[in-house]
C-alpha atoms as a PDB file:
ATOM      1  CA  MET A   1     -30.311   2.581 -74.400  1.00  0.00           C
ATOM      2  CA  ALA A   2     -33.954   3.624 -75.390  1.00  0.00           C
ATOM      3  CA  HIS A   3     -35.533   6.862 -73.907  1.00  0.00           C
ATOM      4  CA  ASN A   4     -38.131   6.051 -71.193  1.00  0.00           C
ATOM      5  CA  MET A   5     -40.707   8.939 -71.157  1.00  0.00           C
ATOM      6  CA  SER A   6     -41.705  10.468 -67.818  1.00  0.00           C
ATOM      7  CA  GLN A   7     -45.405  10.627 -66.906  1.00  0.00           C
ATOM      8  CA  ARG A   8     -45.304  14.386 -67.660  1.00  0.00           C
ATOM      9  CA  GLU A   9     -43.776  13.845 -70.948  1.00  0.00           C
ATOM     10  CA  ALA A  10     -46.124  11.092 -71.962  1.00  0.00           C
ATOM     11  CA  THR A  11     -49.143  13.248 -70.812  1.00  0.00           C
ATOM     12  CA  LEU A  12     -48.100  16.235 -72.830  1.00  0.00           C
ATOM     13  CA  MET A  13     -47.396  13.985 -75.860  1.00  0.00           C
ATOM     14  CA  ASN A  14     -50.805  12.340 -75.672  1.00  0.00           C
ATOM     15  CA  LYS A  15     -52.330  15.838 -75.502  1.00  0.00           C
ATOM     16  CA  LEU A  16     -50.376  16.872 -78.431  1.00  0.00           C
ATOM     17  CA  ALA A  17     -51.348  13.706 -80.493  1.00  0.00           C
ATOM     18  CA  ALA A  18     -55.075  14.405 -79.605  1.00  0.00           C
ATOM     19  CA  ALA A  19     -55.000  17.953 -80.727  1.00  0.00           C
ATOM     20  CA  ASP A  20     -53.205  17.195 -83.989  1.00  0.00           C
ATOM     21  CA  PHE A  21     -55.710  14.404 -84.793  1.00  0.00           C
ATOM     22  CA  TYR A  22     -58.623  16.744 -84.123  1.00  0.00           C
ATOM     23  CA  ALA A  23     -56.950  19.422 -86.361  1.00  0.00           C
ATOM     24  CA  LEU A  24     -56.457  16.848 -88.996  1.00  0.00           C
ATOM     25  CA  ASP A  25     -60.059  15.472 -88.826  1.00  0.00           C
ATOM     26  CA  LEU A  26     -61.423  19.031 -89.234  1.00  0.00           C
ATOM     27  CA  LYS A  27     -59.118  19.694 -92.244  1.00  0.00           C
ATOM     28  CA  LEU A  28     -60.388  16.407 -93.891  1.00  0.00           C
ATOM     29  CA  TYR A  29     -64.003  17.510 -93.331  1.00  0.00           C
ATOM     30  CA  LEU A  30     -63.219  20.900 -94.787  1.00  0.00           C
ATOM     31  CA  ASN A  31     -61.836  19.296 -98.015  1.00  0.00           C
ATOM     32  CA  THR A  32     -65.342  18.238 -98.698  1.00  0.00           C
ATOM     33  CA  HIS A  33     -67.296  21.016 -97.075  1.00  0.00           C
ATOM     34  CA  PRO A  34     -65.170  24.077 -97.716  1.00  0.00           C
ATOM     35  CA  ASP A  35     -67.942  26.559 -97.096  1.00  0.00           C
ATOM     36  CA  ASP A  36     -68.728  25.392 -93.560  1.00  0.00           C
ATOM     37  CA  GLU A  37     -67.867  28.499 -91.592  1.00  0.00           C
ATOM     38  CA  LYS A  38     -68.480  26.877 -88.239  1.00  0.00           C
ATOM     39  CA  ILE A  39     -65.969  24.165 -89.008  1.00  0.00           C
ATOM     40  CA  LEU A  40     -63.377  26.544 -90.248  1.00  0.00           C
ATOM     41  CA  LYS A  41     -63.504  28.519 -87.114  1.00  0.00           C
ATOM     42  CA  LEU A  42     -63.114  25.312 -85.101  1.00  0.00           C
ATOM     43  CA  TYR A  43     -60.260  24.137 -87.306  1.00  0.00           C
ATOM     44  CA  ARG A  44     -58.385  27.364 -86.717  1.00  0.00           C
ATOM     45  CA  GLU A  45     -58.952  27.026 -82.985  1.00  0.00           C
ATOM     46  CA  ALA A  46     -57.767  23.343 -83.103  1.00  0.00           C
ATOM     47  CA  VAL A  47     -54.519  24.402 -85.062  1.00  0.00           C
ATOM     48  CA  LYS A  48     -53.934  27.097 -82.272  1.00  0.00           C
ATOM     49  CA  GLN A  49     -54.497  24.435 -79.522  1.00  0.00           C
ATOM     50  CA  ALA A  50     -52.035  22.032 -81.307  1.00  0.00           C
ATOM     51  CA  ASP A  51     -49.465  24.585 -81.686  1.00  0.00           C
ATOM     52  CA  ALA A  52     -49.797  25.532 -77.881  1.00  0.00           C
ATOM     53  CA  CYS A  53     -49.557  21.875 -77.002  1.00  0.00           C
ATOM     54  CA  ARG A  54     -46.427  21.469 -79.200  1.00  0.00           C
ATOM     55  CA  SER A  55     -44.822  24.532 -77.889  1.00  0.00           C
ATOM     56  CA  ALA A  56     -45.492  23.496 -74.113  1.00  0.00           C
ATOM     57  CA  PHE A  57     -43.883  20.230 -74.830  1.00  0.00           C
ATOM     58  CA  GLU A  58     -40.805  21.621 -76.510  1.00  0.00           C
ATOM     59  CA  ALA A  59     -40.264  24.075 -73.827  1.00  0.00           C
ATOM     60  CA  GLU A  60     -40.189  21.555 -71.146  1.00  0.00           C
ATOM     61  CA  PHE A  61     -38.608  18.606 -72.976  1.00  0.00           C
ATOM     62  CA  TYR A  62     -37.003  18.649 -76.377  1.00  0.00           C
ATOM     63  CA  PRO A  63     -37.796  19.883 -79.970  1.00  0.00           C
ATOM     64  CA  LEU A  64     -40.234  17.789 -82.194  1.00  0.00           C
ATOM     65  CA  ARG A  65     -39.202  19.460 -85.317  1.00  0.00           C
ATOM     66  CA  ALA A  66     -35.829  20.285 -86.610  1.00  0.00           C
ATOM     67  CA  GLU A  67     -36.697  23.912 -87.256  1.00  0.00           C
ATOM     68  CA  ASN A  68     -37.318  24.228 -83.476  1.00  0.00           C
ATOM     69  CA  ALA A  69     -33.877  22.907 -82.424  1.00  0.00           C
ATOM     70  CA  GLY A  70     -30.986  25.041 -81.357  1.00  0.00           C
ATOM     71  CA  LYS A  71     -33.060  27.994 -79.921  1.00  0.00           C
ATOM     72  CA  ASP A  72     -31.043  27.806 -76.750  1.00  0.00           C
ATOM     73  CA  GLY A  73     -27.688  28.102 -78.400  1.00  0.00           C
ATOM     74  CA  GLU A  74     -27.002  24.309 -78.504  1.00  0.00           C
ATOM     75  CA  TRP A  75     -28.231  21.860 -81.241  1.00  0.00           C
ATOM     76  CA  ASP A  76     -30.580  19.675 -79.268  1.00  0.00           C
ATOM     77  CA  TRP A  77     -32.297  17.966 -82.252  1.00  0.00           C
ATOM     78  CA  LEU A  78     -30.858  14.726 -81.414  1.00  0.00           C
ATOM     79  CA  CYS A  79     -32.681  14.600 -78.054  1.00  0.00           C
ATOM     80  CA  GLY A  80     -35.934  12.699 -77.465  1.00  0.00           C
ATOM     81  CA  GLN A  81     -37.518   9.389 -77.367  1.00  0.00           C
ATOM     82  CA  TRP A  82     -36.338   8.183 -80.835  1.00  0.00           C
ATOM     83  CA  ILE A  83     -32.597   8.155 -79.851  1.00  0.00           C
ATOM     84  CA  LEU A  84     -31.437   4.742 -78.787  1.00  0.00           C
END
C-alpha cells in the first residue's frame, strides 16, 4: 500500500523542496561568481533555511536521511512515502 501524504506533510515537503532548490541555485551561481559576497551571504542563509525545513519535517513525520534515523530509540528509517 502506497503512503498517502497528509496536507501538512505535503506542505512541509514542498517548503523543503523550494528551500533546497533555492540553495542549489545560489550554489551554482557561486561556482561562476565566487567573489560575490552578497550571494554568498544569501547562500548561507538559504542553507540554514533548508536545514530548518528539513528538521521541522523530520520532527513531525519521519527521517529524510538515514543519518537522522533512530534518534528516538527505534530504527524509523523505513518510514515515509517511498515505502509501498
